[in-house]
Amino acid sequence: MSATLDKIIEEVKALRPDERRELRDKLDSLFIEPKPAMTEDEFARHLAAKGIISLPALSAEDTEDDDWEPVEVTGQPLSEMIIEERR
């Protein structure tokens, strides 16, 4: 072992039991893998489970959006119409 590590071990041995527990807790926290961040849906379900919010029930219409296709519109784009009207 290196001299620095030996010195640290000797200093740890000199600590009071409560200080050793505190040191152990801090060292353990350094090696804990952080949890991945929750997605927005997971967070909403978490809040609903705690009773903080309520989630609306999904209807059949809400789940059938996979087949949605935008409607083709001809003519001048709406954004251009708005700009012309403001002039």
PDB file of N, CA and C in Angstrom:
ATOM      1  N   MET A   1       0.848  -1.194   0.000  1.00  0.00           N
ATOM      2  CA  MET A   1       0.000   0.000   0.000  1.00  0.00           C
ATOM      3  C   MET A   1       0.881   1.241   0.000  1.00  0.00           C
ATOM      4  N   SER A   2       0.316   2.315  -0.463  1.00  0.00           N
ATOM      5  CA  SER A   2       1.071   3.559  -0.495  1.00  0.00           C
ATOM      6  C   SER A   2       1.117   4.167   0.899  1.00  0.00           C
ATOM      7  N   ALA A   3       2.065   5.053   1.087  1.00  0.00           N
ATOM      8  CA  ALA A   3       2.223   5.708   2.384  1.00  0.00           C
ATOM      9  C   ALA A   3       0.992   6.545   2.724  1.00  0.00           C
ATOM     10  N   THR A   4       0.390   7.155   1.718  1.00  0.00           N
ATOM     11  CA  THR A   4      -0.801   7.980   1.946  1.00  0.00           C
ATOM     12  C   THR A   4      -1.957   7.121   2.443  1.00  0.00           C
ATOM     13  N   LEU A   5      -2.160   5.974   1.825  1.00  0.00           N
ATOM     14  CA  LEU A   5      -3.238   5.079   2.232  1.00  0.00           C
ATOM     15  C   LEU A   5      -2.999   4.540   3.642  1.00  0.00           C
ATOM     16  N   ASP A   6      -1.751   4.194   3.955  1.00  0.00           N
ATOM     17  CA  ASP A   6      -1.425   3.728   5.313  1.00  0.00           C
ATOM     18  C   ASP A   6      -1.732   4.804   6.343  1.00  0.00           C
ATOM     19  N   LYS A   7      -1.414   6.047   6.015  1.00  0.00           N
ATOM     20  CA  LYS A   7      -1.670   7.161   6.934  1.00  0.00           C
ATOM     21  C   LYS A   7      -3.181   7.335   7.148  1.00  0.00           C
ATOM     22  N   ILE A   8      -3.944   7.221   6.074  1.00  0.00           N
ATOM     23  CA  ILE A   8      -5.400   7.367   6.178  1.00  0.00           C
ATOM     24  C   ILE A   8      -5.970   6.265   7.062  1.00  0.00           C
ATOM     25  N   ILE A   9      -5.499   5.031   6.873  1.00  0.00           N
ATOM     26  CA  ILE A   9      -5.994   3.912   7.680  1.00  0.00           C
ATOM     27  C   ILE A   9      -5.683   4.130   9.152  1.00  0.00           C
ATOM     28  N   GLU A  10      -4.504   4.605   9.464  1.00  0.00           N
ATOM     29  CA  GLU A  10      -4.148   4.883  10.861  1.00  0.00           C
ATOM     30  C   GLU A  10      -5.037   5.982  11.447  1.00  0.00           C
ATOM     31  N   GLU A  11      -5.343   6.997  10.649  1.00  0.00           N
ATOM     32  CA  GLU A  11      -6.215   8.070  11.131  1.00  0.00           C
ATOM     33  C   GLU A  11      -7.641   7.571  11.343  1.00  0.00           C
ATOM     34  N   VAL A  12      -8.092   6.661  10.488  1.00  0.00           N
ATOM     35  CA  VAL A  12      -9.432   6.092  10.657  1.00  0.00           C
ATOM     36  C   VAL A  12      -9.496   5.273  11.940  1.00  0.00           C
ATOM     37  N   LYS A  13      -8.446   4.529  12.232  1.00  0.00           N
ATOM     38  CA  LYS A  13      -8.410   3.735  13.467  1.00  0.00           C
ATOM     39  C   LYS A  13      -8.492   4.618  14.708  1.00  0.00           C
ATOM     40  N   ALA A  14      -8.028   5.860  14.600  1.00  0.00           N
ATOM     41  CA  ALA A  14      -8.039   6.778  15.741  1.00  0.00           C
ATOM     42  C   ALA A  14      -9.398   7.456  15.936  1.00  0.00           C
ATOM     43  N   LEU A  15     -10.321   7.291  14.999  1.00  0.00           N
ATOM     44  CA  LEU A  15     -11.632   7.941  15.096  1.00  0.00           C
ATOM     45  C   LEU A  15     -12.504   7.265  16.149  1.00  0.00           C
ATOM     46  N   ARG A  16     -13.440   8.049  16.700  1.00  0.00           N
ATOM     47  CA  ARG A  16     -14.440   7.505  17.620  1.00  0.00           C
ATOM     48  C   ARG A  16     -15.412   6.641  16.813  1.00  0.00           C
ATOM     49  N   PRO A  17     -16.123   5.717  17.451  1.00  0.00           N
ATOM     50  CA  PRO A  17     -17.066   4.846  16.724  1.00  0.00           C
ATOM     51  C   PRO A  17     -18.124   5.617  15.938  1.00  0.00           C
ATOM     52  N   ASP A  18     -18.658   6.700  16.495  1.00  0.00           N
ATOM     53  CA  ASP A  18     -19.672   7.468  15.764  1.00  0.00           C
ATOM     54  C   ASP A  18     -19.069   8.151  14.540  1.00  0.00           C
ATOM     55  N   GLU A  19     -17.810   8.576  14.646  1.00  0.00           N
ATOM     56  CA  GLU A  19     -17.138   9.191  13.497  1.00  0.00           C
ATOM     57  C   GLU A  19     -16.851   8.141  12.416  1.00  0.00           C
ATOM     58  N   ARG A  20     -16.522   6.912  12.853  1.00  0.00           N
ATOM     59  CA  ARG A  20     -16.295   5.833  11.892  1.00  0.00           C
ATOM     60  C   ARG A  20     -17.580   5.500  11.129  1.00  0.00           C
ATOM     61  N   ARG A  21     -18.718   5.481  11.849  1.00  0.00           N
ATOM     62  CA  ARG A  21     -19.997   5.214  11.178  1.00  0.00           C
ATOM     63  C   ARG A  21     -20.305   6.301  10.154  1.00  0.00           C
ATOM     64  N   GLU A  22     -20.042   7.552  10.545  1.00  0.00           N
ATOM     65  CA  GLU A  22     -20.291   8.661   9.617  1.00  0.00           C
ATOM     66  C   GLU A  22     -19.392   8.539   8.386  1.00  0.00           C
ATOM     67  N   LEU A  23     -18.116   8.203   8.611  1.00  0.00           N
ATOM     68  CA  LEU A  23     -17.182   8.014   7.500  1.00  0.00           C
ATOM     69  C   LEU A  23     -17.638   6.862   6.609  1.00  0.00           C
ATOM     70  N   ARG A  24     -18.088   5.773   7.233  1.00  0.00           N
ATOM     71  CA  ARG A  24     -18.554   4.610   6.459  1.00  0.00           C
ATOM     72  C   ARG A  24     -19.755   4.980   5.591  1.00  0.00           C
ATOM     73  N   ASP A  25     -20.697   5.740   6.175  1.00  0.00           N
ATOM     74  CA  ASP A  25     -21.873   6.168   5.412  1.00  0.00           C
ATOM     75  C   ASP A  25     -21.476   7.017   4.212  1.00  0.00           C
ATOM     76  N   LYS A  26     -20.533   7.925   4.424  1.00  0.00           N
ATOM     77  CA  LYS A  26     -20.095   8.791   3.325  1.00  0.00           C
ATOM     78  C   LYS A  26     -19.359   7.995   2.251  1.00  0.00           C
ATOM     79  N   LEU A  27     -18.524   7.042   2.676  1.00  0.00           N
ATOM     80  CA  LEU A  27     -17.820   6.208   1.699  1.00  0.00           C
ATOM     81  C   LEU A  27     -18.803   5.331   0.924  1.00  0.00           C
ATOM     82  N   ASP A  28     -19.786   4.769   1.620  1.00  0.00           N
ATOM     83  CA  ASP A  28     -20.792   3.950   0.942  1.00  0.00           C
ATOM     84  C   ASP A  28     -21.552   4.761  -0.096  1.00  0.00           C
ATOM     85  N   SER A  29     -21.851   6.016   0.225  1.00  0.00           N
ATOM     86  CA  SER A  29     -22.608   6.846  -0.716  1.00  0.00           C
ATOM     87  C   SER A  29     -21.803   7.153  -1.981  1.00  0.00           C
ATOM     88  N   LEU A  30     -20.482   7.093  -1.892  1.00  0.00           N
ATOM     89  CA  LEU A  30     -19.651   7.333  -3.076  1.00  0.00           C
ATOM     90  C   LEU A  30     -19.756   6.199  -4.092  1.00  0.00           C
ATOM     91  N   PHE A  31     -20.069   4.994  -3.610  1.00  0.00           N
ATOM     92  CA  PHE A  31     -20.071   3.831  -4.489  1.00  0.00           C
ATOM     93  C   PHE A  31     -21.461   3.386  -4.917  1.00  0.00           C
ATOM     94  N   ILE A  32     -22.482   4.084  -4.482  1.00  0.00           N
ATOM     95  CA  ILE A  32     -23.847   3.747  -4.879  1.00  0.00           C
ATOM     96  C   ILE A  32     -24.089   4.261  -6.289  1.00  0.00           C
ATOM     97  N   GLU A  33     -24.626   3.382  -7.142  1.00  0.00           N
ATOM     98  CA  GLU A  33     -24.959   3.773  -8.511  1.00  0.00           C
ATOM     99  C   GLU A  33     -26.172   4.696  -8.474  1.00  0.00           C
ATOM    100  N   PRO A  34     -26.099   5.848  -9.120  1.00  0.00           N
ATOM    101  CA  PRO A  34     -27.268   6.733  -9.131  1.00  0.00           C
ATOM    102  C   PRO A  34     -28.397   6.113  -9.952  1.00  0.00           C
ATOM    103  N   LYS A  35     -29.623   6.316  -9.478  1.00  0.00           N
ATOM    104  CA  LYS A  35     -30.784   5.816 -10.213  1.00  0.00           C
ATOM    105  C   LYS A  35     -30.967   6.661 -11.469  1.00  0.00           C
ATOM    106  N   PRO A  36     -31.372   6.031 -12.567  1.00  0.00           N
ATOM    107  CA  PRO A  36     -31.642   6.829 -13.767  1.00  0.00           C
ATOM    108  C   PRO A  36     -32.825   7.757 -13.517  1.00  0.00           C
ATOM    109  N   ALA A  37     -32.789   8.896 -14.148  1.00  0.00           N
ATOM    110  CA  ALA A  37     -33.864   9.877 -13.971  1.00  0.00           C
ATOM    111  C   ALA A  37     -35.182   9.307 -14.486  1.00  0.00           C
ATOM    112  N   MET A  38     -36.263   9.667 -13.792  1.00  0.00           N
ATOM    113  CA  MET A  38     -37.592   9.202 -14.201  1.00  0.00           C
ATOM    114  C   MET A  38     -38.031   9.926 -15.462  1.00  0.00           C
ATOM    115  N   THR A  39     -38.771   9.209 -16.277  1.00  0.00           N
ATOM    116  CA  THR A  39     -39.399   9.871 -17.413  1.00  0.00           C
ATOM    117  C   THR A  39     -40.603  10.648 -16.889  1.00  0.00           C
ATOM    118  N   GLU A  40     -41.166  11.474 -17.721  1.00  0.00           N
ATOM    119  CA  GLU A  40     -42.325  12.262 -17.306  1.00  0.00           C
ATOM    120  C   GLU A  40     -43.505  11.355 -16.951  1.00  0.00           C
ATOM    121  N   ASP A  41     -43.690  10.289 -17.725  1.00  0.00           N
ATOM    122  CA  ASP A  41     -44.785   9.347 -17.440  1.00  0.00           C
ATOM    123  C   ASP A  41     -44.557   8.607 -16.127  1.00  0.00           C
ATOM    124  N   GLU A  42     -43.321   8.173 -15.878  1.00  0.00           N
ATOM    125  CA  GLU A  42     -43.012   7.495 -14.619  1.00  0.00           C
ATOM    126  C   GLU A  42     -43.244   8.422 -13.433  1.00  0.00           C
ATOM    127  N   PHE A  43     -42.858   9.680 -13.578  1.00  0.00           N
ATOM    128  CA  PHE A  43     -43.046  10.644 -12.500  1.00  0.00           C
ATOM    129  C   PHE A  43     -44.530  10.871 -12.229  1.00  0.00           C
ATOM    130  N   ALA A  44     -45.326  10.960 -13.284  1.00  0.00           N
ATOM    131  CA  ALA A  44     -46.770  11.143 -13.116  1.00  0.00           C
ATOM    132  C   ALA A  44     -47.379   9.936 -12.405  1.00  0.00           C
ATOM    133  N   ARG A  45     -46.949   8.722 -12.780  1.00  0.00           N
ATOM    134  CA  ARG A  45     -47.454   7.518 -12.105  1.00  0.00           C
ATOM    135  C   ARG A  45     -47.024   7.491 -10.641  1.00  0.00           C
ATOM    136  N   HIS A  46     -45.809   7.950 -10.365  1.00  0.00           N
ATOM    137  CA  HIS A  46     -45.304   8.020  -8.987  1.00  0.00           C
ATOM    138  C   HIS A  46     -46.157   8.980  -8.154  1.00  0.00           C
ATOM    139  N   LEU A  47     -46.457  10.152  -8.708  1.00  0.00           N
ATOM    140  CA  LEU A  47     -47.295  11.121  -7.995  1.00  0.00           C
ATOM    141  C   LEU A  47     -48.705  10.581  -7.805  1.00  0.00           C
ATOM    142  N   ALA A  48     -49.212   9.868  -8.794  1.00  0.00           N
ATOM    143  CA  ALA A  48     -50.554   9.283  -8.683  1.00  0.00           C
ATOM    144  C   ALA A  48     -50.580   8.203  -7.603  1.00  0.00           C
ATOM    145  N   ALA A  49     -49.516   7.416  -7.510  1.00  0.00           N
ATOM    146  CA  ALA A  49     -49.449   6.361  -6.496  1.00  0.00           C
ATOM    147  C   ALA A  49     -49.437   6.948  -5.088  1.00  0.00           C
ATOM    148  N   LYS A  50     -48.835   8.128  -4.934  1.00  0.00           N
ATOM    149  CA  LYS A  50     -48.812   8.794  -3.629  1.00  0.00           C
ATOM    150  C   LYS A  50     -50.102   9.542  -3.340  1.00  0.00           C
ATOM    151  N   GLY A  51     -50.973   9.632  -4.332  1.00  0.00           N
ATOM    152  CA  GLY A  51     -52.244  10.323  -4.145  1.00  0.00           C
ATOM    153  C   GLY A  51     -52.155  11.825  -4.316  1.00  0.00           C
ATOM    154  N   ILE A  52     -51.054  12.309  -4.865  1.00  0.00           N
ATOM    155  CA  ILE A  52     -50.866  13.748  -5.052  1.00  0.00           C
ATOM    156  C   ILE A  52     -51.661  14.241  -6.255  1.00  0.00           C
ATOM    157  N   ILE A  53     -51.695  13.434  -7.305  1.00  0.00           N
ATOM    158  CA  ILE A  53     -52.469  13.778  -8.502  1.00  0.00           C
ATOM    159  C   ILE A  53     -53.314  12.572  -8.894  1.00  0.00           C
ATOM    160  N   SER A  54     -54.254  12.790  -9.783  1.00  0.00           N
ATOM    161  CA  SER A  54     -55.001  11.663 -10.349  1.00  0.00           C
ATOM    162  C   SER A  54     -54.817  11.704 -11.857  1.00  0.00           C
ATOM    163  N   LEU A  55     -54.687  10.536 -12.433  1.00  0.00           N
ATOM    164  CA  LEU A  55     -54.486  10.436 -13.874  1.00  0.00           C
ATOM    165  C   LEU A  55     -55.814  10.117 -14.545  1.00  0.00           C
ATOM    166  N   PRO A  56     -56.103  10.764 -15.674  1.00  0.00           N
ATOM    167  CA  PRO A  56     -57.354  10.457 -16.378  1.00  0.00           C
ATOM    168  C   PRO A  56     -57.288   9.060 -16.983  1.00  0.00           C
ATOM    169  N   ALA A  57     -58.427   8.405 -17.032  1.00  0.00           N
ATOM    170  CA  ALA A  57     -58.489   7.084 -17.656  1.00  0.00           C
ATOM    171  C   ALA A  57     -58.360   7.245 -19.167  1.00  0.00           C
ATOM    172  N   LEU A  58     -57.624   6.352 -19.793  1.00  0.00           N
ATOM    173  CA  LEU A  58     -57.442   6.413 -21.244  1.00  0.00           C
ATOM    174  C   LEU A  58     -58.654   5.804 -21.932  1.00  0.00           C
ATOM    175  N   SER A  59     -59.158   6.510 -22.908  1.00  0.00           N
ATOM    176  CA  SER A  59     -60.274   5.976 -23.688  1.00  0.00           C
ATOM    177  C   SER A  59     -59.717   5.279 -24.924  1.00  0.00           C
ATOM    178  N   ALA A  60     -60.568   4.603 -25.650  1.00  0.00           N
ATOM    179  CA  ALA A  60     -60.139   3.916 -26.871  1.00  0.00           C
ATOM    180  C   ALA A  60     -59.610   4.909 -27.896  1.00  0.00           C
ATOM    181  N   GLU A  61     -60.177   6.117 -27.927  1.00  0.00           N
ATOM    182  CA  GLU A  61     -59.720   7.138 -28.876  1.00  0.00           C
ATOM    183  C   GLU A  61     -58.288   7.561 -28.582  1.00  0.00           C
ATOM    184  N   ASP A  62     -57.906   7.608 -27.297  1.00  0.00           N
ATOM    185  CA  ASP A  62     -56.565   8.040 -26.922  1.00  0.00           C
ATOM    186  C   ASP A  62     -55.497   7.041 -27.356  1.00  0.00           C
ATOM    187  N   THR A  63     -55.836   5.786 -27.411  1.00  0.00           N
ATOM    188  CA  THR A  63     -54.846   4.765 -27.735  1.00  0.00           C
ATOM    189  C   THR A  63     -54.747   4.477 -29.224  1.00  0.00           C
ATOM    190  N   GLU A  64     -55.619   5.035 -30.041  1.00  0.00           N
ATOM    191  CA  GLU A  64     -55.615   4.756 -31.471  1.00  0.00           C
ATOM    192  C   GLU A  64     -54.968   5.865 -32.292  1.00  0.00           C
ATOM    193  N   ASP A  65     -54.071   6.635 -31.713  1.00  0.00           N
ATOM    194  CA  ASP A  65     -53.431   7.734 -32.428  1.00  0.00           C
ATOM    195  C   ASP A  65     -52.273   7.271 -33.312  1.00  0.00           C
ATOM    196  N   ASP A  66     -51.930   5.996 -33.282  1.00  0.00           N
ATOM    197  CA  ASP A  66     -50.807   5.510 -34.079  1.00  0.00           C
ATOM    198  C   ASP A  66     -51.072   5.609 -35.578  1.00  0.00           C
ATOM    199  N   ASP A  67     -52.337   5.538 -35.979  1.00  0.00           N
ATOM    200  CA  ASP A  67     -52.686   5.570 -37.398  1.00  0.00           C
ATOM    201  C   ASP A  67     -52.948   6.981 -37.909  1.00  0.00           C
ATOM    202  N   TRP A  68     -52.738   7.976 -37.088  1.00  0.00           N
ATOM    203  CA  TRP A  68     -53.077   9.351 -37.441  1.00  0.00           C
ATOM    204  C   TRP A  68     -52.210   9.841 -38.595  1.00  0.00           C
ATOM    205  N   GLU A  69     -52.826  10.452 -39.555  1.00  0.00           N
ATOM    206  CA  GLU A  69     -52.142  11.059 -40.697  1.00  0.00           C
ATOM    207  C   GLU A  69     -52.594  12.509 -40.799  1.00  0.00           C
ATOM    208  N   PRO A  70     -51.672  13.453 -41.033  1.00  0.00           N
ATOM    209  CA  PRO A  70     -52.087  14.847 -41.168  1.00  0.00           C
ATOM    210  C   PRO A  70     -52.908  15.055 -42.441  1.00  0.00           C
ATOM    211  N   VAL A  71     -53.793  16.026 -42.389  1.00  0.00           N
ATOM    212  CA  VAL A  71     -54.646  16.348 -43.534  1.00  0.00           C
ATOM    213  C   VAL A  71     -53.866  17.260 -44.471  1.00  0.00           C
ATOM    214  N   GLU A  72     -53.874  16.941 -45.756  1.00  0.00           N
ATOM    215  CA  GLU A  72     -53.210  17.770 -46.759  1.00  0.00           C
ATOM    216  C   GLU A  72     -54.068  18.999 -47.032  1.00  0.00           C
ATOM    217  N   VAL A  73     -53.480  20.169 -46.923  1.00  0.00           N
ATOM    218  CA  VAL A  73     -54.202  21.417 -47.167  1.00  0.00           C
ATOM    219  C   VAL A  73     -53.508  22.141 -48.313  1.00  0.00           C
ATOM    220  N   THR A  74     -54.301  22.638 -49.252  1.00  0.00           N
ATOM    221  CA  THR A  74     -53.729  23.370 -50.376  1.00  0.00           C
ATOM    222  C   THR A  74     -53.895  24.860 -50.126  1.00  0.00           C
ATOM    223  N   GLY A  75     -53.142  25.637 -50.840  1.00  0.00           N
ATOM    224  CA  GLY A  75     -53.247  27.084 -50.701  1.00  0.00           C
ATOM    225  C   GLY A  75     -52.083  27.655 -49.903  1.00  0.00           C
ATOM    226  N   GLN A  76     -52.248  28.920 -49.557  1.00  0.00           N
ATOM    227  CA  GLN A  76     -51.203  29.655 -48.854  1.00  0.00           C
ATOM    228  C   GLN A  76     -51.091  29.162 -47.402  1.00  0.00           C
ATOM    229  N   PRO A  77     -49.859  29.001 -46.886  1.00  0.00           N
ATOM    230  CA  PRO A  77     -49.692  28.580 -45.500  1.00  0.00           C
ATOM    231  C   PRO A  77     -50.294  29.607 -44.533  1.00  0.00           C
ATOM    232  N   LEU A  78     -50.831  29.118 -43.437  1.00  0.00           N
ATOM    233  CA  LEU A  78     -51.477  29.968 -42.448  1.00  0.00           C
ATOM    234  C   LEU A  78     -50.519  31.033 -41.910  1.00  0.00           C
ATOM    235  N   SER A  79     -49.266  30.662 -41.698  1.00  0.00           N
ATOM    236  CA  SER A  79     -48.307  31.625 -41.160  1.00  0.00           C
ATOM    237  C   SER A  79     -48.132  32.816 -42.104  1.00  0.00           C
ATOM    238  N   GLU A  80     -48.110  32.560 -43.407  1.00  0.00           N
ATOM    239  CA  GLU A  80     -47.985  33.652 -44.374  1.00  0.00           C
ATOM    240  C   GLU A  80     -49.238  34.516 -44.385  1.00  0.00           C
ATOM    241  N   MET A  81     -50.415  33.900 -44.236  1.00  0.00           N
ATOM    242  CA  MET A  81     -51.663  34.668 -44.196  1.00  0.00           C
ATOM    243  C   MET A  81     -51.670  35.615 -42.993  1.00  0.00           C
ATOM    244  N   ILE A  82     -51.209  35.142 -41.860  1.00  0.00           N
ATOM    245  CA  ILE A  82     -51.181  35.971 -40.648  1.00  0.00           C
ATOM    246  C   ILE A  82     -50.229  37.144 -40.836  1.00  0.00           C
ATOM    247  N   ILE A  83     -49.067  36.892 -41.420  1.00  0.00           N
ATOM    248  CA  ILE A  83     -48.091  37.969 -41.641  1.00  0.00           C
ATOM    249  C   ILE A  83     -48.667  39.025 -42.572  1.00  0.00           C
ATOM    250  N   GLU A  84     -49.337  38.608 -43.640  1.00  0.00           N
ATOM    251  CA  GLU A  84     -49.934  39.569 -44.574  1.00  0.00           C
ATOM    252  C   GLU A  84     -51.019  40.400 -43.905  1.00  0.00           C
ATOM    253  N   GLU A  85     -51.835  39.782 -43.061  1.00  0.00           N
ATOM    254  CA  GLU A  85     -52.907  40.513 -42.385  1.00  0.00           C
ATOM    255  C   GLU A  85     -52.366  41.544 -41.401  1.00  0.00           C
ATOM    256  N   ARG A  86     -51.210  41.304 -40.866  1.00  0.00           N
ATOM    257  CA  ARG A  86     -50.628  42.229 -39.887  1.00  0.00           C
ATOM    258  C   ARG A  86     -49.949  43.418 -40.557  1.00  0.00           C
ATOM    259  N   ARG A  87     -49.728  43.348 -41.841  1.00  0.00           N
ATOM    260  CA  ARG A  87     -49.051  44.450 -42.542  1.00  0.00           C
ATOM    261  C   ARG A  87     -49.978  45.580 -42.802  1.00  0.00           C
TER     262      ARG A  87
END
